[in-house]
All heavy atoms as atom14 arrays in JSON, in Angstrom:
{
  "sequence": "VFLVLESHGLDINNCRGQSYDYASNMSGRYTGLQARIKKVNPLAT",
  "atom14_mask": [
    [1, 1, 1, 1, 1, 1, 1, 0, 0, 0, 0, 0, 0, 0],
    [1, 1, 1, 1, 1, 1, 1, 1, 1, 1, 1, 0, 0, 0],
    [1, 1, 1, 1, 1, 1, 1, 1, 0, 0, 0, 0, 0, 0],
    [1, 1, 1, 1, 1, 1, 1, 0, 0, 0, 0, 0, 0, 0],
    [1, 1, 1, 1, 1, 1, 1, 1, 0, 0, 0, 0, 0, 0],
    [1, 1, 1, 1, 1, 1, 1, 1, 1, 0, 0, 0, 0, 0],
    [1, 1, 1, 1, 1, 1, 0, 0, 0, 0, 0, 0, 0, 0],
    [1, 1, 1, 1, 1, 1, 1, 1, 1, 1, 0, 0, 0, 0],
    [1, 1, 1, 1, 0, 0, 0, 0, 0, 0, 0, 0, 0, 0],
    [1, 1, 1, 1, 1, 1, 1, 1, 0, 0, 0, 0, 0, 0],
    [1, 1, 1, 1, 1, 1, 1, 1, 0, 0, 0, 0, 0, 0],
    [1, 1, 1, 1, 1, 1, 1, 1, 0, 0, 0, 0, 0, 0],
    [1, 1, 1, 1, 1, 1, 1, 1, 0, 0, 0, 0, 0, 0],
    [1, 1, 1, 1, 1, 1, 1, 1, 0, 0, 0, 0, 0, 0],
    [1, 1, 1, 1, 1, 1, 0, 0, 0, 0, 0, 0, 0, 0],
    [1, 1, 1, 1, 1, 1, 1, 1, 1, 1, 1, 0, 0, 0],
    [1, 1, 1, 1, 0, 0, 0, 0, 0, 0, 0, 0, 0, 0],
    [1, 1, 1, 1, 1, 1, 1, 1, 1, 0, 0, 0, 0, 0],
    [1, 1, 1, 1, 1, 1, 0, 0, 0, 0, 0, 0, 0, 0],
    [1, 1, 1, 1, 1, 1, 1, 1, 1, 1, 1, 1, 0, 0],
    [1, 1, 1, 1, 1, 1, 1, 1, 0, 0, 0, 0, 0, 0],
    [1, 1, 1, 1, 1, 1, 1, 1, 1, 1, 1, 1, 0, 0],
    [1, 1, 1, 1, 1, 0, 0, 0, 0, 0, 0, 0, 0, 0],
    [1, 1, 1, 1, 1, 1, 0, 0, 0, 0, 0, 0, 0, 0],
    [1, 1, 1, 1, 1, 1, 1, 1, 0, 0, 0, 0, 0, 0],
    [1, 1, 1, 1, 1, 1, 1, 1, 0, 0, 0, 0, 0, 0],
    [1, 1, 1, 1, 1, 1, 0, 0, 0, 0, 0, 0, 0, 0],
    [1, 1, 1, 1, 0, 0, 0, 0, 0, 0, 0, 0, 0, 0],
    [1, 1, 1, 1, 1, 1, 1, 1, 1, 1, 1, 0, 0, 0],
    [1, 1, 1, 1, 1, 1, 1, 1, 1, 1, 1, 1, 0, 0],
    [1, 1, 1, 1, 1, 1, 1, 0, 0, 0, 0, 0, 0, 0],
    [1, 1, 1, 1, 0, 0, 0, 0, 0, 0, 0, 0, 0, 0],
    [1, 1, 1, 1, 1, 1, 1, 1, 0, 0, 0, 0, 0, 0],
    [1, 1, 1, 1, 1, 1, 1, 1, 1, 0, 0, 0, 0, 0],
    [1, 1, 1, 1, 1, 0, 0, 0, 0, 0, 0, 0, 0, 0],
    [1, 1, 1, 1, 1, 1, 1, 1, 1, 1, 1, 0, 0, 0],
    [1, 1, 1, 1, 1, 1, 1, 1, 0, 0, 0, 0, 0, 0],
    [1, 1, 1, 1, 1, 1, 1, 1, 1, 0, 0, 0, 0, 0],
    [1, 1, 1, 1, 1, 1, 1, 1, 1, 0, 0, 0, 0, 0],
    [1, 1, 1, 1, 1, 1, 1, 0, 0, 0, 0, 0, 0, 0],
    [1, 1, 1, 1, 1, 1, 1, 1, 0, 0, 0, 0, 0, 0],
    [1, 1, 1, 1, 1, 1, 1, 0, 0, 0, 0, 0, 0, 0],
    [1, 1, 1, 1, 1, 1, 1, 1, 0, 0, 0, 0, 0, 0],
    [1, 1, 1, 1, 1, 0, 0, 0, 0, 0, 0, 0, 0, 0],
    [1, 1, 1, 1, 1, 1, 1, 0, 0, 0, 0, 0, 0, 0]
  ],
  "atom14_positions": [
    [[-2.48, 7.24, 2.7], [-2.81, 5.88, 3.36], [-2.23, 5.67, 4.67], [-2.95, 5.25, 5.6], [-2.34, 4.79, 2.33], [-2.42, 3.42, 3.05], [-3.05, 4.82, 1.02], [0.0, 0.0, 0.0], [0.0, 0.0, 0.0], [0.0, 0.0, 0.0], [0.0, 0.0, 0.0], [0.0, 0.0, 0.0], [0.0, 0.0, 0.0], [0.0, 0.0, 0.0]],
    [[-1.05, 5.98, 4.79], [-0.3, 5.85, 6.14], [-1.0, 6.72, 7.22], [-1.1, 6.35, 8.33], [1.17, 6.14, 6.09], [1.88, 5.16, 5.11], [2.95, 5.72, 4.3], [1.53, 3.87, 5.05], [3.65, 4.79, 3.52], [2.2, 2.98, 4.19], [3.24, 3.45, 3.44], [0.0, 0.0, 0.0], [0.0, 0.0, 0.0], [0.0, 0.0, 0.0]],
    [[-1.42, 7.94, 6.76], [-2.07, 8.79, 7.74], [-3.4, 8.29, 8.22], [-3.76, 8.39, 9.43], [-2.23, 10.2, 7.03], [-3.0, 11.28, 7.87], [-2.16, 11.67, 9.09], [-3.23, 12.52, 7.02], [0.0, 0.0, 0.0], [0.0, 0.0, 0.0], [0.0, 0.0, 0.0], [0.0, 0.0, 0.0], [0.0, 0.0, 0.0], [0.0, 0.0, 0.0]],
    [[-4.18, 7.78, 7.27], [-5.52, 7.24, 7.66], [-5.31, 6.06, 8.63], [-6.06, 5.81, 9.59], [-6.3, 6.79, 6.37], [-7.49, 5.93, 6.82], [-6.75, 8.01, 5.62], [0.0, 0.0, 0.0], [0.0, 0.0, 0.0], [0.0, 0.0, 0.0], [0.0, 0.0, 0.0], [0.0, 0.0, 0.0], [0.0, 0.0, 0.0], [0.0, 0.0, 0.0]],
    [[-4.35, 5.15, 8.31], [-4.11, 3.91, 9.12], [-3.72, 4.37, 10.51], [-4.12, 3.75, 11.52], [-3.03, 3.06, 8.45], [-3.41, 2.35, 7.18], [-2.25, 1.6, 6.63], [-4.61, 1.41, 7.41], [0.0, 0.0, 0.0], [0.0, 0.0, 0.0], [0.0, 0.0, 0.0], [0.0, 0.0, 0.0], [0.0, 0.0, 0.0], [0.0, 0.0, 0.0]],
    [[-2.8, 5.34, 10.53], [-2.26, 5.77, 11.88], [-3.42, 6.43, 12.65], [-3.47, 6.28, 13.92], [-1.13, 6.74, 11.63], [-0.47, 7.1, 12.98], [0.72, 8.06, 12.7], [1.06, 8.31, 11.5], [1.27, 8.57, 13.62], [0.0, 0.0, 0.0], [0.0, 0.0, 0.0], [0.0, 0.0, 0.0], [0.0, 0.0, 0.0], [0.0, 0.0, 0.0]],
    [[-4.23, 7.19, 12.03], [-5.31, 7.89, 12.81], [-6.27, 7.0, 13.48], [-6.93, 7.36, 14.41], [-6.0, 9.03, 11.84], [-6.66, 8.26, 10.81], [0.0, 0.0, 0.0], [0.0, 0.0, 0.0], [0.0, 0.0, 0.0], [0.0, 0.0, 0.0], [0.0, 0.0, 0.0], [0.0, 0.0, 0.0], [0.0, 0.0, 0.0], [0.0, 0.0, 0.0]],
    [[-6.47, 5.9, 12.81], [-7.41, 4.85, 13.33], [-6.7, 3.73, 14.11], [-7.4, 2.74, 14.55], [-8.23, 4.18, 12.19], [-9.19, 5.17, 11.58], [-10.28, 5.76, 12.22], [-9.14, 5.79, 10.36], [-10.93, 6.56, 11.37], [-10.13, 6.73, 10.24], [0.0, 0.0, 0.0], [0.0, 0.0, 0.0], [0.0, 0.0, 0.0], [0.0, 0.0, 0.0]],
    [[-5.47, 3.82, 14.34], [-4.8, 2.81, 15.1], [-4.57, 1.48, 14.47], [-4.51, 0.45, 15.12], [0.0, 0.0, 0.0], [0.0, 0.0, 0.0], [0.0, 0.0, 0.0], [0.0, 0.0, 0.0], [0.0, 0.0, 0.0], [0.0, 0.0, 0.0], [0.0, 0.0, 0.0], [0.0, 0.0, 0.0], [0.0, 0.0, 0.0], [0.0, 0.0, 0.0]],
    [[-4.51, 1.46, 13.06], [-4.35, 0.25, 12.32], [-2.91, 0.04, 11.89], [-2.26, 1.05, 11.41], [-5.29, 0.23, 11.15], [-6.79, 0.35, 11.43], [-7.57, 0.54, 10.16], [-7.28, -0.82, 12.24], [0.0, 0.0, 0.0], [0.0, 0.0, 0.0], [0.0, 0.0, 0.0], [0.0, 0.0, 0.0], [0.0, 0.0, 0.0], [0.0, 0.0, 0.0]],
    [[-2.39, -1.17, 12.08], [-1.05, -1.47, 11.75], [-0.87, -1.86, 10.25], [-1.56, -2.81, 9.82], [-0.5, -2.67, 12.68], [1.0, -2.79, 12.57], [1.68, -2.08, 11.74], [1.51, -3.72, 13.2], [0.0, 0.0, 0.0], [0.0, 0.0, 0.0], [0.0, 0.0, 0.0], [0.0, 0.0, 0.0], [0.0, 0.0, 0.0], [0.0, 0.0, 0.0]],
    [[0.0, -1.16, 9.53], [0.24, -1.43, 8.15], [0.78, -2.83, 7.94], [0.57, -3.48, 6.93], [1.11, -0.41, 7.52], [1.31, -0.61, 5.94], [2.52, -0.45, 8.16], [0.02, -0.42, 5.19], [0.0, 0.0, 0.0], [0.0, 0.0, 0.0], [0.0, 0.0, 0.0], [0.0, 0.0, 0.0], [0.0, 0.0, 0.0], [0.0, 0.0, 0.0]],
    [[1.44, -3.4, 8.94], [2.06, -4.69, 8.85], [1.03, -5.81, 8.78], [1.29, -6.98, 8.47], [3.02, -5.04, 10.0], [4.18, -4.14, 9.87], [4.78, -3.91, 8.82], [4.68, -3.53, 11.01], [0.0, 0.0, 0.0], [0.0, 0.0, 0.0], [0.0, 0.0, 0.0], [0.0, 0.0, 0.0], [0.0, 0.0, 0.0], [0.0, 0.0, 0.0]],
    [[-0.23, -5.47, 9.23], [-1.36, -6.47, 9.08], [-2.09, -6.43, 7.75], [-3.06, -7.21, 7.55], [-2.33, -6.23, 10.25], [-1.83, -6.59, 11.62], [-0.92, -7.49, 11.72], [-2.2, -5.92, 12.7], [0.0, 0.0, 0.0], [0.0, 0.0, 0.0], [0.0, 0.0, 0.0], [0.0, 0.0, 0.0], [0.0, 0.0, 0.0], [0.0, 0.0, 0.0]],
    [[-1.67, -5.56, 6.92], [-2.32, -5.43, 5.56], [-1.73, -6.57, 4.71], [-0.54, -6.77, 4.55], [-1.98, -4.09, 4.88], [-2.65, -3.87, 3.24], [0.0, 0.0, 0.0], [0.0, 0.0, 0.0], [0.0, 0.0, 0.0], [0.0, 0.0, 0.0], [0.0, 0.0, 0.0], [0.0, 0.0, 0.0], [0.0, 0.0, 0.0], [0.0, 0.0, 0.0]],
    [[-2.68, -7.27, 4.19], [-2.34, -8.53, 3.35], [-2.76, -8.44, 1.88], [-2.54, -9.35, 1.05], [-2.96, -9.76, 3.9], [-2.35, -10.18, 5.25], [-0.9, -10.65, 5.17], [-0.35, -10.97, 6.39], [0.34, -10.14, 7.09], [0.48, -8.81, 6.75], [0.96, -10.47, 8.23], [0.0, 0.0, 0.0], [0.0, 0.0, 0.0], [0.0, 0.0, 0.0]],
    [[-3.25, -7.27, 1.49], [-3.68, -7.18, 0.05], [-4.01, -5.66, -0.24], [-4.33, -4.89, 0.59], [0.0, 0.0, 0.0], [0.0, 0.0, 0.0], [0.0, 0.0, 0.0], [0.0, 0.0, 0.0], [0.0, 0.0, 0.0], [0.0, 0.0, 0.0], [0.0, 0.0, 0.0], [0.0, 0.0, 0.0], [0.0, 0.0, 0.0], [0.0, 0.0, 0.0]],
    [[-3.94, -5.41, -1.52], [-4.29, -4.06, -2.1], [-4.73, -4.13, -3.46], [-4.27, -5.0, -4.23], [-3.13, -3.01, -1.9], [-1.77, -3.61, -2.43], [-0.64, -2.62, -2.21], [-0.84, -1.48, -2.31], [0.62, -3.24, -2.1], [0.0, 0.0, 0.0], [0.0, 0.0, 0.0], [0.0, 0.0, 0.0], [0.0, 0.0, 0.0], [0.0, 0.0, 0.0]],
    [[-5.72, -3.37, -3.9], [-6.38, -3.48, -5.17], [-6.66, -2.08, -5.72], [-7.3, -1.3, -5.06], [-7.6, -4.32, -5.2], [-8.15, -4.45, -6.5], [0.0, 0.0, 0.0], [0.0, 0.0, 0.0], [0.0, 0.0, 0.0], [0.0, 0.0, 0.0], [0.0, 0.0, 0.0], [0.0, 0.0, 0.0], [0.0, 0.0, 0.0], [0.0, 0.0, 0.0]],
    [[-6.17, -1.72, -6.84], [-6.41, -0.43, -7.46], [-6.65, -0.69, -9.02], [-6.6, -1.87, -9.51], [-5.29, 0.49, -7.41], [-4.57, 0.41, -6.01], [-3.27, -0.05, -5.87], [-5.34, 0.87, -4.84], [-2.67, -0.12, -4.57], [-4.66, 0.84, -3.65], [-3.34, 0.35, -3.57], [-2.82, 0.27, -2.27], [0.0, 0.0, 0.0], [0.0, 0.0, 0.0]],
    [[-6.96, 0.34, -9.72], [-7.1, 0.2, -11.15], [-5.71, 0.23, -11.81], [-4.65, 0.19, -11.12], [-7.97, 1.3, -11.78], [-7.58, 2.68, -11.39], [-6.3, 2.84, -11.11], [-8.41, 3.61, -11.3], [0.0, 0.0, 0.0], [0.0, 0.0, 0.0], [0.0, 0.0, 0.0], [0.0, 0.0, 0.0], [0.0, 0.0, 0.0], [0.0, 0.0, 0.0]],
    [[-5.59, 0.42, -13.14], [-4.33, 0.35, -13.88], [-3.61, 1.72, -13.96], [-2.8, 1.8, -14.89], [-4.57, -0.4, -15.21], [-4.47, -1.87, -15.1], [-5.69, -2.56, -14.89], [-3.3, -2.56, -15.22], [-5.69, -3.99, -14.82], [-3.36, -3.95, -15.1], [-4.42, -4.67, -14.96], [-4.42, -6.01, -14.81], [0.0, 0.0, 0.0], [0.0, 0.0, 0.0]],
    [[-4.07, 2.74, -13.27], [-3.39, 3.95, -13.37], [-1.98, 3.82, -12.93], [-1.64, 3.06, -11.93], [-4.13, 5.05, -12.55], [0.0, 0.0, 0.0], [0.0, 0.0, 0.0], [0.0, 0.0, 0.0], [0.0, 0.0, 0.0], [0.0, 0.0, 0.0], [0.0, 0.0, 0.0], [0.0, 0.0, 0.0], [0.0, 0.0, 0.0], [0.0, 0.0, 0.0]],
    [[-0.95, 4.45, -13.56], [0.36, 4.25, -13.31], [0.8, 4.72, -11.86], [1.68, 4.17, -11.26], [1.3, 5.07, -14.35], [1.03, 6.35, -14.3], [0.0, 0.0, 0.0], [0.0, 0.0, 0.0], [0.0, 0.0, 0.0], [0.0, 0.0, 0.0], [0.0, 0.0, 0.0], [0.0, 0.0, 0.0], [0.0, 0.0, 0.0], [0.0, 0.0, 0.0]],
    [[0.1, 5.8, -11.41], [0.45, 6.32, -10.02], [-0.12, 5.3, -8.86], [0.4, 5.31, -7.8], [-0.17, 7.66, -9.81], [-1.65, 7.64, -9.95], [-2.24, 6.72, -10.54], [-2.32, 8.58, -9.3], [0.0, 0.0, 0.0], [0.0, 0.0, 0.0], [0.0, 0.0, 0.0], [0.0, 0.0, 0.0], [0.0, 0.0, 0.0], [0.0, 0.0, 0.0]],
    [[-0.96, 4.37, -9.29], [-1.53, 3.44, -8.35], [-0.84, 2.04, -8.48], [-0.45, 1.47, -7.52], [-3.07, 3.26, -8.49], [-3.82, 4.49, -8.59], [-3.99, 5.29, -6.95], [-5.38, 4.5, -6.31], [0.0, 0.0, 0.0], [0.0, 0.0, 0.0], [0.0, 0.0, 0.0], [0.0, 0.0, 0.0], [0.0, 0.0, 0.0], [0.0, 0.0, 0.0]],
    [[-0.78, 1.57, -9.72], [-0.32, 0.16, -9.92], [1.06, 0.14, -10.43], [1.57, -1.03, -10.86], [-1.25, -0.55, -10.89], [-1.37, 0.09, -12.1], [0.0, 0.0, 0.0], [0.0, 0.0, 0.0], [0.0, 0.0, 0.0], [0.0, 0.0, 0.0], [0.0, 0.0, 0.0], [0.0, 0.0, 0.0], [0.0, 0.0, 0.0], [0.0, 0.0, 0.0]],
    [[1.77, 1.28, -10.47], [3.13, 1.28, -11.03], [4.03, 0.25, -10.27], [4.04, 0.17, -9.12], [0.0, 0.0, 0.0], [0.0, 0.0, 0.0], [0.0, 0.0, 0.0], [0.0, 0.0, 0.0], [0.0, 0.0, 0.0], [0.0, 0.0, 0.0], [0.0, 0.0, 0.0], [0.0, 0.0, 0.0], [0.0, 0.0, 0.0], [0.0, 0.0, 0.0]],
    [[4.84, -0.44, -11.07], [5.67, -1.62, -10.52], [6.79, -0.98, -9.6], [7.23, -1.71, -8.77], [6.21, -2.49, -11.54], [6.93, -3.63, -11.11], [7.4, -4.58, -12.25], [6.24, -5.04, -13.04], [6.41, -5.83, -14.1], [7.61, -6.13, -14.57], [5.37, -6.31, -14.69], [0.0, 0.0, 0.0], [0.0, 0.0, 0.0], [0.0, 0.0, 0.0]],
    [[7.33, 0.17, -9.97], [8.57, 0.71, -9.36], [8.26, 1.77, -8.42], [8.75, 1.87, -7.23], [9.58, 1.08, -10.36], [9.95, -0.02, -11.33], [9.52, -0.08, -12.62], [10.68, -1.13, -10.8], [9.83, -1.07, -13.46], [11.06, -2.17, -11.69], [10.67, -2.14, -13.02], [10.94, -3.16, -13.92], [0.0, 0.0, 0.0], [0.0, 0.0, 0.0]],
    [[7.42, 2.77, -8.76], [7.12, 3.94, -8.0], [5.68, 4.16, -7.7], [5.22, 5.22, -7.14], [7.76, 5.21, -8.59], [7.2, 5.44, -9.87], [9.29, 5.09, -8.67], [0.0, 0.0, 0.0], [0.0, 0.0, 0.0], [0.0, 0.0, 0.0], [0.0, 0.0, 0.0], [0.0, 0.0, 0.0], [0.0, 0.0, 0.0], [0.0, 0.0, 0.0]],
    [[4.86, 3.23, -8.15], [3.41, 3.38, -7.88], [3.07, 3.16, -6.36], [3.88, 2.78, -5.55], [0.0, 0.0, 0.0], [0.0, 0.0, 0.0], [0.0, 0.0, 0.0], [0.0, 0.0, 0.0], [0.0, 0.0, 0.0], [0.0, 0.0, 0.0], [0.0, 0.0, 0.0], [0.0, 0.0, 0.0], [0.0, 0.0, 0.0], [0.0, 0.0, 0.0]],
    [[1.81, 3.39, -6.09], [1.39, 3.24, -4.72], [1.58, 1.95, -4.11], [2.01, 1.75, -3.02], [-0.12, 3.66, -4.58], [-0.88, 3.49, -3.21], [-0.11, 4.28, -2.14], [-2.31, 3.89, -3.31], [0.0, 0.0, 0.0], [0.0, 0.0, 0.0], [0.0, 0.0, 0.0], [0.0, 0.0, 0.0], [0.0, 0.0, 0.0], [0.0, 0.0, 0.0]],
    [[1.27, 0.9, -4.96], [1.37, -0.46, -4.56], [2.88, -0.86, -4.21], [3.18, -1.57, -3.26], [0.78, -1.41, -5.59], [1.43, -1.45, -6.88], [2.37, -2.62, -7.11], [2.56, -3.42, -6.14], [3.04, -2.72, -8.27], [0.0, 0.0, 0.0], [0.0, 0.0, 0.0], [0.0, 0.0, 0.0], [0.0, 0.0, 0.0], [0.0, 0.0, 0.0]],
    [[3.76, -0.28, -5.04], [5.18, -0.53, -4.74], [5.66, 0.16, -3.46], [6.44, -0.43, -2.69], [6.02, 0.01, -5.92], [0.0, 0.0, 0.0], [0.0, 0.0, 0.0], [0.0, 0.0, 0.0], [0.0, 0.0, 0.0], [0.0, 0.0, 0.0], [0.0, 0.0, 0.0], [0.0, 0.0, 0.0], [0.0, 0.0, 0.0], [0.0, 0.0, 0.0]],
    [[5.24, 1.38, -3.15], [5.61, 2.12, -1.92], [5.02, 1.38, -0.69], [5.65, 1.4, 0.34], [5.06, 3.56, -2.01], [5.71, 4.36, -3.11], [5.27, 5.81, -3.07], [5.87, 6.6, -4.15], [7.08, 7.14, -4.09], [7.79, 7.02, -2.97], [7.54, 7.77, -5.15], [0.0, 0.0, 0.0], [0.0, 0.0, 0.0], [0.0, 0.0, 0.0]],
    [[3.85, 0.85, -0.8], [3.32, 0.11, 0.37], [4.03, -1.22, 0.57], [4.27, -1.72, 1.62], [1.81, -0.13, 0.16], [1.06, 1.2, 0.26], [1.22, -1.16, 1.16], [-0.47, 1.14, 0.05], [0.0, 0.0, 0.0], [0.0, 0.0, 0.0], [0.0, 0.0, 0.0], [0.0, 0.0, 0.0], [0.0, 0.0, 0.0], [0.0, 0.0, 0.0]],
    [[4.46, -1.86, -0.58], [5.2, -3.06, -0.45], [6.59, -2.84, 0.08], [7.19, -3.73, 0.73], [5.24, -3.72, -1.93], [4.13, -4.61, -2.26], [4.5, -5.43, -3.52], [3.35, -6.4, -3.84], [3.63, -7.23, -5.02], [0.0, 0.0, 0.0], [0.0, 0.0, 0.0], [0.0, 0.0, 0.0], [0.0, 0.0, 0.0], [0.0, 0.0, 0.0]],
    [[7.13, -1.71, -0.05], [8.43, -1.41, 0.61], [8.3, -1.45, 2.14], [9.28, -1.93, 2.85], [8.96, -0.03, 0.16], [9.43, -0.01, -1.27], [10.02, 1.38, -1.64], [10.53, 1.35, -3.06], [10.98, 2.71, -3.44], [0.0, 0.0, 0.0], [0.0, 0.0, 0.0], [0.0, 0.0, 0.0], [0.0, 0.0, 0.0], [0.0, 0.0, 0.0]],
    [[7.22, -1.01, 2.58], [7.02, -1.04, 4.09], [6.47, -2.4, 4.51], [6.91, -2.9, 5.59], [5.88, 0.03, 4.43], [5.62, 0.1, 5.96], [6.39, 1.39, 3.93], [0.0, 0.0, 0.0], [0.0, 0.0, 0.0], [0.0, 0.0, 0.0], [0.0, 0.0, 0.0], [0.0, 0.0, 0.0], [0.0, 0.0, 0.0], [0.0, 0.0, 0.0]],
    [[5.62, -3.03, 3.74], [5.03, -4.34, 4.07], [5.07, -5.2, 2.86], [4.12, -5.13, 1.98], [3.6, -4.17, 4.56], [2.98, -5.59, 4.94], [3.74, -6.52, 5.07], [1.74, -5.5, 5.17], [0.0, 0.0, 0.0], [0.0, 0.0, 0.0], [0.0, 0.0, 0.0], [0.0, 0.0, 0.0], [0.0, 0.0, 0.0], [0.0, 0.0, 0.0]],
    [[6.04, -5.99, 2.63], [6.19, -6.95, 1.45], [4.99, -7.85, 1.33], [4.77, -8.44, 0.18], [7.5, -7.63, 1.64], [8.28, -6.81, 2.67], [7.27, -6.31, 3.51], [0.0, 0.0, 0.0], [0.0, 0.0, 0.0], [0.0, 0.0, 0.0], [0.0, 0.0, 0.0], [0.0, 0.0, 0.0], [0.0, 0.0, 0.0], [0.0, 0.0, 0.0]],
    [[4.29, -8.2, 2.33], [3.19, -9.11, 2.3], [1.89, -8.57, 1.78], [0.86, -9.3, 1.65], [2.97, -9.82, 3.71], [4.17, -10.57, 4.2], [3.77, -11.07, 5.56], [4.54, -11.77, 3.32], [0.0, 0.0, 0.0], [0.0, 0.0, 0.0], [0.0, 0.0, 0.0], [0.0, 0.0, 0.0], [0.0, 0.0, 0.0], [0.0, 0.0, 0.0]],
    [[1.84, -7.25, 1.56], [0.64, -6.58, 1.02], [0.51, -6.94, -0.5], [1.02, -6.02, -1.38], [0.66, -5.14, 1.27], [0.0, 0.0, 0.0], [0.0, 0.0, 0.0], [0.0, 0.0, 0.0], [0.0, 0.0, 0.0], [0.0, 0.0, 0.0], [0.0, 0.0, 0.0], [0.0, 0.0, 0.0], [0.0, 0.0, 0.0], [0.0, 0.0, 0.0]],
    [[-0.13, -8.01, -0.86], [-0.15, -8.42, -2.27], [-0.96, -7.51, -3.09], [-2.14, -7.16, -2.69], [-0.72, -9.94, -2.27], [0.1, -10.76, -1.49], [-0.73, -10.43, -3.75], [0.0, 0.0, 0.0], [0.0, 0.0, 0.0], [0.0, 0.0, 0.0], [0.0, 0.0, 0.0], [0.0, 0.0, 0.0], [0.0, 0.0, 0.0], [0.0, 0.0, 0.0]]
  ]
}
């Protein structure tokens, strides 16, 4: 995700939302993708 955003010149801090299915690697509360993106940008609901 960070690679794609950087390659197109998009700032991760302007991300205000994220939506995935219920797979643990995507929606995991502690180490899932949504949790890792929230560590960088807490406003990415």
